[in-house]
Structures are given as structure tokens and as C-alpha cells.
Amino acid sequence: MKNSEYALDTISINLFGLALQKEQKIEDALKILRLNKYLYPDPWFTHLNYAETLVKVGQTDEAIEIFRNRPKVKPDDHRTRERLEELVN
């Protein structure tokens, strides 16, 4: 029997990662957001929030790769395209 009381969905995990980031626990936030991206690879925001956190720790090259791949999944996402241009230029 599955107990939904302990189920964590992608939004809950994402919010936890962002809360850690807000508390300046960036390395912990990276771990949580990486896990979320692994567990839930389809929602675009899992990748974007992870990429933005990578930028905060100076891992811009990896973030750029994520931003380059997202338009393939969500081609109408202008925010991603603009952010990629900012990072590349």
C-alpha cells in the first residue's frame, strides 16, 4: 500500500531546493535540485532552477548546456532563450 503522506512531488522538492538557496545553502540546494531533475526529468522548471543555481556557484558552462537543451522541450520558452543569451554573451 502506498502512503501518500510521505510522497514528494516535483513541486515540493523544487520549493525545498529554492528555500535552501534563499538561506544561502547553495551546495545543499544544488543536491536537492539535481535530485529533482533526476527524479522528474520532464518538467522544464526542474532543469531551469538547477541551471540557475549552477550559475550562482560559477558552473556557467554546465548551466549553458542545460539552457541550450531546454528549447528542444519547450520551444516557446522565451525566458530560457534570453537567459542563454545573457550567459553566452
C-alpha atoms as a PDB file:
ATOM      1  CA  MET A   1       0.000   0.000   0.000  1.00  0.00           C
ATOM      2  CA  LYS A   2       1.381   3.370  -0.990  1.00  0.00           C
ATOM      3  CA  ASN A   3       1.335   6.024   1.721  1.00  0.00           C
ATOM      4  CA  SER A   4       0.803   9.406   0.078  1.00  0.00           C
ATOM      5  CA  GLU A   5       1.564  11.151   3.374  1.00  0.00           C
ATOM      6  CA  TYR A   6       5.255  10.724   2.572  1.00  0.00           C
ATOM      7  CA  ALA A   7       5.122  11.257  -1.176  1.00  0.00           C
ATOM      8  CA  LEU A   8       7.202  14.096  -2.541  1.00  0.00           C
ATOM      9  CA  ASP A   9       6.225  15.563  -5.848  1.00  0.00           C
ATOM     10  CA  THR A  10       8.430  17.629  -8.100  1.00  0.00           C
ATOM     11  CA  ILE A  11       6.962  20.935  -6.940  1.00  0.00           C
ATOM     12  CA  SER A  12       7.599  20.141  -3.263  1.00  0.00           C
ATOM     13  CA  ILE A  13      11.180  19.111  -3.954  1.00  0.00           C
ATOM     14  CA  ASN A  14      11.716  22.191  -6.108  1.00  0.00           C
ATOM     15  CA  LEU A  15      10.367  24.518  -3.418  1.00  0.00           C
ATOM     16  CA  PHE A  16      12.624  22.887  -0.843  1.00  0.00           C
ATOM     17  CA  GLY A  17      15.651  23.414  -3.091  1.00  0.00           C
ATOM     18  CA  LEU A  18      14.735  27.048  -3.658  1.00  0.00           C
ATOM     19  CA  ALA A  19      14.240  27.569   0.084  1.00  0.00           C
ATOM     20  CA  LEU A  20      17.729  26.200   0.713  1.00  0.00           C
ATOM     21  CA  GLN A  21      19.051  28.554  -1.919  1.00  0.00           C
ATOM     22  CA  LYS A  22      17.333  31.505  -0.239  1.00  0.00           C
ATOM     23  CA  GLU A  23      19.017  30.506   3.042  1.00  0.00           C
ATOM     24  CA  GLN A  24      22.374  30.621   1.213  1.00  0.00           C
ATOM     25  CA  LYS A  25      22.762  26.836   1.481  1.00  0.00           C
ATOM     26  CA  ILE A  26      23.693  26.677  -2.169  1.00  0.00           C
ATOM     27  CA  GLU A  27      25.517  23.330  -2.166  1.00  0.00           C
ATOM     28  CA  ASP A  28      22.549  21.675  -0.438  1.00  0.00           C
ATOM     29  CA  ALA A  29      20.186  23.387  -2.871  1.00  0.00           C
ATOM     30  CA  LEU A  30      22.223  22.023  -5.783  1.00  0.00           C
ATOM     31  CA  LYS A  31      21.938  18.489  -4.428  1.00  0.00           C
ATOM     32  CA  ILE A  32      18.173  18.747  -3.980  1.00  0.00           C
ATOM     33  CA  LEU A  33      17.578  20.386  -7.350  1.00  0.00           C
ATOM     34  CA  ARG A  34      19.841  17.817  -9.071  1.00  0.00           C
ATOM     35  CA  LEU A  35      17.816  15.046  -7.425  1.00  0.00           C
ATOM     36  CA  ASN A  36      14.586  16.669  -8.581  1.00  0.00           C
ATOM     37  CA  LYS A  37      15.896  16.875 -12.143  1.00  0.00           C
ATOM     38  CA  TYR A  38      16.839  13.198 -11.973  1.00  0.00           C
ATOM     39  CA  LEU A  39      13.540  12.025 -10.444  1.00  0.00           C
ATOM     40  CA  TYR A  40      11.360  14.268 -12.607  1.00  0.00           C
ATOM     41  CA  PRO A  41      13.181  14.952 -15.890  1.00  0.00           C
ATOM     42  CA  ASP A  42      10.110  16.125 -17.814  1.00  0.00           C
ATOM     43  CA  PRO A  43       9.027  19.362 -16.103  1.00  0.00           C
ATOM     44  CA  TRP A  44      11.057  22.208 -17.609  1.00  0.00           C
ATOM     45  CA  PHE A  45      11.368  24.095 -14.321  1.00  0.00           C
ATOM     46  CA  THR A  46      13.389  21.295 -12.703  1.00  0.00           C
ATOM     47  CA  HIS A  47      16.163  21.915 -15.208  1.00  0.00           C
ATOM     48  CA  LEU A  48      15.907  25.703 -15.170  1.00  0.00           C
ATOM     49  CA  ASN A  49      16.113  26.054 -11.400  1.00  0.00           C
ATOM     50  CA  TYR A  50      19.044  23.671 -11.302  1.00  0.00           C
ATOM     51  CA  ALA A  51      20.785  25.669 -14.055  1.00  0.00           C
ATOM     52  CA  GLU A  52      20.209  28.970 -12.268  1.00  0.00           C
ATOM     53  CA  THR A  53      21.728  27.513  -9.116  1.00  0.00           C
ATOM     54  CA  LEU A  54      24.738  26.304 -11.095  1.00  0.00           C
ATOM     55  CA  VAL A  55      25.256  29.877 -12.279  1.00  0.00           C
ATOM     56  CA  LYS A  56      25.293  31.048  -8.652  1.00  0.00           C
ATOM     57  CA  VAL A  57      28.224  28.742  -7.885  1.00  0.00           C
ATOM     58  CA  GLY A  58      30.120  29.657 -11.036  1.00  0.00           C
ATOM     59  CA  GLN A  59      29.367  26.498 -13.030  1.00  0.00           C
ATOM     60  CA  THR A  60      28.220  28.525 -16.003  1.00  0.00           C
ATOM     61  CA  ASP A  61      29.296  26.046 -18.695  1.00  0.00           C
ATOM     62  CA  GLU A  62      27.058  23.308 -17.313  1.00  0.00           C
ATOM     63  CA  ALA A  63      24.205  25.796 -16.919  1.00  0.00           C
ATOM     64  CA  ILE A  64      24.604  26.916 -20.529  1.00  0.00           C
ATOM     65  CA  GLU A  65      24.285  23.317 -21.718  1.00  0.00           C
ATOM     66  CA  ILE A  66      21.040  22.948 -19.788  1.00  0.00           C
ATOM     67  CA  PHE A  67      19.689  26.210 -21.209  1.00  0.00           C
ATOM     68  CA  ARG A  68      20.674  25.105 -24.716  1.00  0.00           C
ATOM     69  CA  ASN A  69      18.746  21.850 -24.369  1.00  0.00           C
ATOM     70  CA  ARG A  70      15.554  23.252 -22.860  1.00  0.00           C
ATOM     71  CA  PRO A  71      14.179  24.907 -26.025  1.00  0.00           C
ATOM     72  CA  LYS A  72      14.018  21.444 -27.594  1.00  0.00           C
ATOM     73  CA  VAL A  73      11.493  20.507 -24.939  1.00  0.00           C
ATOM     74  CA  LYS A  74       9.726  23.851 -24.621  1.00  0.00           C
ATOM     75  CA  PRO A  75      10.477  25.835 -27.791  1.00  0.00           C
ATOM     76  CA  ASP A  76       8.205  28.754 -26.883  1.00  0.00           C
ATOM     77  CA  ASP A  77      10.073  29.495 -23.646  1.00  0.00           C
ATOM     78  CA  HIS A  78      11.440  32.978 -24.276  1.00  0.00           C
ATOM     79  CA  ARG A  79      12.829  33.276 -20.738  1.00  0.00           C
ATOM     80  CA  THR A  80      15.193  30.368 -21.332  1.00  0.00           C
ATOM     81  CA  ARG A  81      16.350  31.759 -24.658  1.00  0.00           C
ATOM     82  CA  GLU A  82      17.007  35.196 -23.142  1.00  0.00           C
ATOM     83  CA  ARG A  83      18.878  33.719 -20.181  1.00  0.00           C
ATOM     84  CA  LEU A  84      21.049  31.659 -22.508  1.00  0.00           C
ATOM     85  CA  GLU A  85      21.925  34.778 -24.496  1.00  0.00           C
ATOM     86  CA  GLU A  86      22.881  36.577 -21.245  1.00  0.00           C
ATOM     87  CA  LEU A  87      25.189  33.758 -20.180  1.00  0.00           C
ATOM     88  CA  VAL A  88      26.852  33.272 -23.556  1.00  0.00           C
ATOM     89  CA  ASN A  89      27.478  36.985 -24.162  1.00  0.00           C
END
